[in-house]
Amino acid sequence: MPKIHNTFPTSRIKKMVQSVLPRGQGYQVRLSDSGFDDSKIVRVITPAWKRLQRNERILKLLEAQDQFLTQEDRRHILRYSVLTPQEFERHVKESPIKIISRAMR
């Protein structure tokens, strides 16, 4: 029996993000392994919605996912994170991996 490879729905996620962002707003989608099964953390980095609370930003994606993602697609997503570029930079700088690697020098 041939092995079936499930691919992560990156293109459908990008279409979903484009559909909910205000027209002309840039964004990046970054995927991270969650460490739980084969699920991922989907991080959207965009200057759009910078005045909204993080939970309001995430809610916009959650409301749109039914239109763009199948149940199987959603099974591979542990959670969403929506950050401004500045929030993402702080997140990267404060990452436990970075802190540990600095301490080991």
N, C-alpha and C. Protein backbone atom coordinates (compact mmCIF):
# COMPACT_ATOMS: atom_id res chain seq x y z
N MET A 1 0.84 -1.18 0.00
CA MET A 1 0.00 0.00 0.00
C MET A 1 0.89 1.24 0.00
N PRO A 2 0.66 2.22 -0.91
CA PRO A 2 1.52 3.40 -0.97
C PRO A 2 1.34 4.29 0.26
N LYS A 3 2.44 4.90 0.65
CA LYS A 3 2.42 5.80 1.80
C LYS A 3 1.78 7.13 1.38
N ILE A 4 0.83 7.58 2.16
CA ILE A 4 0.15 8.84 1.85
C ILE A 4 0.80 9.94 2.67
N HIS A 5 1.25 10.98 1.98
CA HIS A 5 1.88 12.12 2.64
C HIS A 5 0.88 13.24 2.76
N ASN A 6 0.55 13.62 3.98
CA ASN A 6 -0.30 14.78 4.20
C ASN A 6 0.58 16.00 4.23
N THR A 7 0.28 16.98 3.41
CA THR A 7 1.05 18.21 3.42
C THR A 7 0.30 19.25 4.23
N PHE A 8 1.06 20.13 4.83
CA PHE A 8 0.45 21.18 5.62
C PHE A 8 -0.19 22.20 4.68
N PRO A 9 -1.37 22.71 5.03
CA PRO A 9 -2.15 23.58 4.12
C PRO A 9 -1.66 25.04 4.08
N THR A 10 -0.39 25.25 3.84
CA THR A 10 0.19 26.59 3.88
C THR A 10 -0.50 27.54 2.91
N SER A 11 -0.75 27.11 1.68
CA SER A 11 -1.36 28.02 0.70
C SER A 11 -2.78 28.40 1.10
N ARG A 12 -3.52 27.46 1.66
CA ARG A 12 -4.89 27.79 2.10
C ARG A 12 -4.87 28.74 3.30
N ILE A 13 -3.87 28.58 4.17
CA ILE A 13 -3.74 29.49 5.30
C ILE A 13 -3.42 30.89 4.80
N LYS A 14 -2.53 31.00 3.83
CA LYS A 14 -2.20 32.32 3.27
C LYS A 14 -3.42 32.98 2.63
N LYS A 15 -4.22 32.20 1.91
CA LYS A 15 -5.44 32.76 1.31
C LYS A 15 -6.40 33.23 2.40
N MET A 16 -6.50 32.47 3.47
CA MET A 16 -7.37 32.84 4.58
C MET A 16 -6.91 34.16 5.20
N VAL A 17 -5.60 34.29 5.43
CA VAL A 17 -5.05 35.51 6.03
C VAL A 17 -5.30 36.70 5.12
N GLN A 18 -5.06 36.54 3.83
CA GLN A 18 -5.29 37.63 2.87
C GLN A 18 -6.75 38.07 2.88
N SER A 19 -7.66 37.12 3.06
CA SER A 19 -9.08 37.46 3.01
C SER A 19 -9.54 38.29 4.20
N VAL A 20 -8.88 38.15 5.36
CA VAL A 20 -9.32 38.88 6.55
C VAL A 20 -8.53 40.16 6.81
N LEU A 21 -7.35 40.28 6.23
CA LEU A 21 -6.56 41.49 6.43
C LEU A 21 -7.13 42.63 5.60
N PRO A 22 -6.99 43.87 6.08
CA PRO A 22 -7.37 45.01 5.25
C PRO A 22 -6.52 45.01 3.97
N ARG A 23 -7.13 45.40 2.87
CA ARG A 23 -6.45 45.40 1.57
C ARG A 23 -5.16 46.22 1.62
N GLY A 24 -4.11 45.65 1.07
CA GLY A 24 -2.83 46.35 0.99
C GLY A 24 -1.92 46.14 2.19
N GLN A 25 -2.38 45.46 3.21
CA GLN A 25 -1.54 45.21 4.39
C GLN A 25 -0.63 44.00 4.14
N GLY A 26 0.62 44.16 4.44
CA GLY A 26 1.57 43.07 4.28
C GLY A 26 1.47 42.09 5.44
N TYR A 27 2.01 40.91 5.23
CA TYR A 27 2.01 39.90 6.29
C TYR A 27 3.04 38.83 5.97
N GLN A 28 3.39 38.07 6.99
CA GLN A 28 4.21 36.87 6.85
C GLN A 28 3.52 35.77 7.63
N VAL A 29 3.60 34.56 7.13
CA VAL A 29 3.12 33.40 7.87
C VAL A 29 4.34 32.56 8.23
N ARG A 30 4.51 32.32 9.51
CA ARG A 30 5.62 31.49 9.99
C ARG A 30 5.04 30.28 10.69
N LEU A 31 5.58 29.14 10.40
CA LEU A 31 5.11 27.88 11.01
C LEU A 31 6.18 27.35 11.95
N SER A 32 5.74 26.88 13.10
CA SER A 32 6.65 26.26 14.07
C SER A 32 6.08 24.92 14.48
N ASP A 33 6.95 23.94 14.64
CA ASP A 33 6.49 22.66 15.18
C ASP A 33 6.03 22.89 16.61
N SER A 34 4.91 22.29 16.95
CA SER A 34 4.35 22.48 18.29
C SER A 34 4.95 21.51 19.30
N GLY A 35 5.54 20.42 18.80
CA GLY A 35 6.03 19.39 19.70
C GLY A 35 4.93 18.45 20.15
N PHE A 36 3.75 18.62 19.59
CA PHE A 36 2.60 17.80 19.93
C PHE A 36 2.08 17.16 18.66
N ASP A 37 2.16 15.85 18.56
CA ASP A 37 1.77 15.11 17.34
C ASP A 37 2.45 15.74 16.14
N ASP A 38 1.68 15.95 15.09
CA ASP A 38 2.24 16.58 13.88
C ASP A 38 1.63 17.96 13.68
N SER A 39 1.20 18.58 14.78
CA SER A 39 0.56 19.89 14.67
C SER A 39 1.58 21.01 14.70
N LYS A 40 1.16 22.17 14.23
CA LYS A 40 2.03 23.33 14.13
C LYS A 40 1.40 24.54 14.79
N ILE A 41 2.24 25.51 15.11
CA ILE A 41 1.80 26.82 15.55
C ILE A 41 1.90 27.72 14.34
N VAL A 42 0.81 28.40 14.01
CA VAL A 42 0.77 29.30 12.86
C VAL A 42 0.90 30.72 13.39
N ARG A 43 2.01 31.38 13.05
CA ARG A 43 2.22 32.77 13.46
C ARG A 43 2.03 33.67 12.25
N VAL A 44 1.15 34.64 12.40
CA VAL A 44 0.93 35.65 11.37
C VAL A 44 1.55 36.94 11.88
N ILE A 45 2.46 37.50 11.10
CA ILE A 45 3.14 38.74 11.48
C ILE A 45 2.67 39.82 10.52
N THR A 46 2.02 40.85 11.06
CA THR A 46 1.46 41.91 10.23
C THR A 46 1.30 43.19 11.05
N PRO A 47 1.46 44.34 10.41
CA PRO A 47 1.20 45.60 11.13
C PRO A 47 -0.30 45.90 11.22
N ALA A 48 -1.11 45.17 10.47
CA ALA A 48 -2.57 45.37 10.52
C ALA A 48 -3.06 44.98 11.91
N TRP A 49 -4.12 45.60 12.33
CA TRP A 49 -4.78 45.28 13.61
C TRP A 49 -3.91 45.58 14.83
N LYS A 50 -2.91 46.44 14.70
CA LYS A 50 -2.03 46.69 15.84
C LYS A 50 -2.76 47.31 17.02
N ARG A 51 -3.92 47.90 16.77
CA ARG A 51 -4.69 48.49 17.87
C ARG A 51 -5.63 47.48 18.54
N LEU A 52 -5.76 46.30 17.93
CA LEU A 52 -6.63 45.27 18.52
C LEU A 52 -5.85 44.45 19.53
N GLN A 53 -6.56 43.90 20.50
CA GLN A 53 -5.96 42.96 21.44
C GLN A 53 -5.58 41.68 20.69
N ARG A 54 -4.62 40.94 21.22
CA ARG A 54 -4.18 39.71 20.55
C ARG A 54 -5.32 38.72 20.36
N ASN A 55 -6.19 38.59 21.39
CA ASN A 55 -7.29 37.64 21.26
C ASN A 55 -8.28 38.07 20.17
N GLU A 56 -8.45 39.36 19.94
CA GLU A 56 -9.33 39.83 18.87
C GLU A 56 -8.72 39.53 17.49
N ARG A 57 -7.42 39.65 17.39
CA ARG A 57 -6.73 39.33 16.12
C ARG A 57 -6.90 37.85 15.79
N ILE A 58 -6.69 37.02 16.79
CA ILE A 58 -6.79 35.57 16.60
C ILE A 58 -8.22 35.18 16.25
N LEU A 59 -9.19 35.83 16.87
CA LEU A 59 -10.59 35.54 16.60
C LEU A 59 -10.93 35.76 15.13
N LYS A 60 -10.34 36.76 14.51
CA LYS A 60 -10.58 37.01 13.08
C LYS A 60 -10.15 35.79 12.24
N LEU A 61 -9.03 35.20 12.60
CA LEU A 61 -8.57 34.00 11.87
C LEU A 61 -9.46 32.80 12.17
N LEU A 62 -9.82 32.65 13.43
CA LEU A 62 -10.68 31.51 13.79
C LEU A 62 -12.03 31.58 13.09
N GLU A 63 -12.57 32.77 12.94
CA GLU A 63 -13.85 32.92 12.26
C GLU A 63 -13.74 32.62 10.77
N ALA A 64 -12.58 32.89 10.19
CA ALA A 64 -12.38 32.67 8.74
C ALA A 64 -11.99 31.24 8.40
N GLN A 65 -11.47 30.49 9.35
CA GLN A 65 -10.93 29.18 9.01
C GLN A 65 -11.98 28.20 8.48
N ASP A 66 -13.23 28.33 8.89
CA ASP A 66 -14.27 27.42 8.39
C ASP A 66 -14.45 27.53 6.88
N GLN A 67 -14.24 28.72 6.35
CA GLN A 67 -14.41 28.94 4.90
C GLN A 67 -13.24 28.42 4.09
N PHE A 68 -12.04 28.37 4.69
CA PHE A 68 -10.84 28.08 3.92
C PHE A 68 -10.18 26.75 4.24
N LEU A 69 -10.39 26.22 5.43
CA LEU A 69 -9.68 25.02 5.85
C LEU A 69 -10.64 23.88 6.13
N THR A 70 -10.23 22.70 5.75
CA THR A 70 -11.03 21.51 6.04
C THR A 70 -10.81 21.10 7.49
N GLN A 71 -11.62 20.19 7.96
CA GLN A 71 -11.45 19.66 9.31
C GLN A 71 -10.07 19.00 9.44
N GLU A 72 -9.64 18.31 8.42
CA GLU A 72 -8.32 17.66 8.43
C GLU A 72 -7.21 18.72 8.50
N ASP A 73 -7.36 19.81 7.76
CA ASP A 73 -6.37 20.90 7.83
C ASP A 73 -6.27 21.43 9.25
N ARG A 74 -7.41 21.68 9.87
CA ARG A 74 -7.44 22.26 11.21
C ARG A 74 -6.86 21.32 12.26
N ARG A 75 -6.91 20.03 11.99
CA ARG A 75 -6.34 19.05 12.91
C ARG A 75 -4.82 19.24 13.06
N HIS A 76 -4.19 19.79 12.04
CA HIS A 76 -2.74 19.99 12.05
C HIS A 76 -2.31 21.33 12.64
N ILE A 77 -3.26 22.14 13.09
CA ILE A 77 -2.95 23.45 13.66
C ILE A 77 -3.24 23.42 15.15
N LEU A 78 -2.21 23.59 15.96
CA LEU A 78 -2.42 23.61 17.40
C LEU A 78 -3.00 24.95 17.83
N ARG A 79 -2.41 26.04 17.31
CA ARG A 79 -2.92 27.36 17.66
C ARG A 79 -2.42 28.40 16.67
N TYR A 80 -3.08 29.56 16.72
CA TYR A 80 -2.68 30.72 15.92
C TYR A 80 -2.07 31.76 16.84
N SER A 81 -1.18 32.55 16.27
CA SER A 81 -0.59 33.68 16.96
C SER A 81 -0.55 34.80 15.93
N VAL A 82 -1.04 35.99 16.29
CA VAL A 82 -1.01 37.14 15.39
C VAL A 82 -0.25 38.25 16.10
N LEU A 83 0.90 38.61 15.54
CA LEU A 83 1.79 39.58 16.16
C LEU A 83 2.14 40.70 15.19
N THR A 84 2.40 41.89 15.74
CA THR A 84 2.96 42.96 14.92
C THR A 84 4.45 42.63 14.73
N PRO A 85 5.11 43.25 13.77
CA PRO A 85 6.55 42.99 13.60
C PRO A 85 7.35 43.30 14.88
N GLN A 86 6.97 44.35 15.59
CA GLN A 86 7.68 44.70 16.83
C GLN A 86 7.45 43.63 17.91
N GLU A 87 6.24 43.14 18.03
CA GLU A 87 5.96 42.08 19.00
C GLU A 87 6.72 40.81 18.65
N PHE A 88 6.82 40.52 17.37
CA PHE A 88 7.54 39.32 16.94
C PHE A 88 9.03 39.45 17.28
N GLU A 89 9.60 40.63 17.03
CA GLU A 89 11.02 40.85 17.36
C GLU A 89 11.27 40.63 18.85
N ARG A 90 10.39 41.17 19.70
CA ARG A 90 10.53 40.96 21.14
C ARG A 90 10.42 39.47 21.48
N HIS A 91 9.48 38.80 20.82
CA HIS A 91 9.28 37.36 21.06
C HIS A 91 10.54 36.58 20.70
N VAL A 92 11.14 36.90 19.57
CA VAL A 92 12.34 36.19 19.13
C VAL A 92 13.50 36.48 20.07
N LYS A 93 13.65 37.73 20.48
CA LYS A 93 14.76 38.09 21.38
C LYS A 93 14.62 37.45 22.76
N GLU A 94 13.38 37.25 23.21
CA GLU A 94 13.15 36.68 24.53
C GLU A 94 12.92 35.17 24.49
N SER A 95 13.14 34.55 23.35
CA SER A 95 12.94 33.12 23.21
C SER A 95 13.82 32.35 24.18
N PRO A 96 13.28 31.34 24.85
CA PRO A 96 14.10 30.54 25.78
C PRO A 96 15.32 29.92 25.10
N ILE A 97 15.20 29.59 23.84
CA ILE A 97 16.34 29.01 23.12
C ILE A 97 17.46 30.03 23.03
N LYS A 98 17.14 31.29 22.72
CA LYS A 98 18.15 32.34 22.64
C LYS A 98 18.78 32.57 24.02
N ILE A 99 17.97 32.59 25.07
CA ILE A 99 18.46 32.83 26.40
C ILE A 99 19.42 31.73 26.82
N ILE A 100 19.07 30.48 26.56
CA ILE A 100 19.91 29.33 26.91
C ILE A 100 21.21 29.38 26.14
N SER A 101 21.14 29.68 24.82
CA SER A 101 22.36 29.69 24.01
C SER A 101 23.29 30.81 24.46
N ARG A 102 22.76 31.95 24.91
CA ARG A 102 23.61 33.03 25.43
C ARG A 102 24.27 32.61 26.74
N ALA A 103 23.53 31.89 27.57
CA ALA A 103 24.05 31.47 28.87
C ALA A 103 25.15 30.43 28.71
N MET A 104 25.12 29.67 27.63
CA MET A 104 26.11 28.62 27.42
C MET A 104 27.42 29.15 26.87
N ARG A 105 27.45 30.40 26.46
CA ARG A 105 28.70 30.96 25.88
C ARG A 105 29.75 31.18 26.92
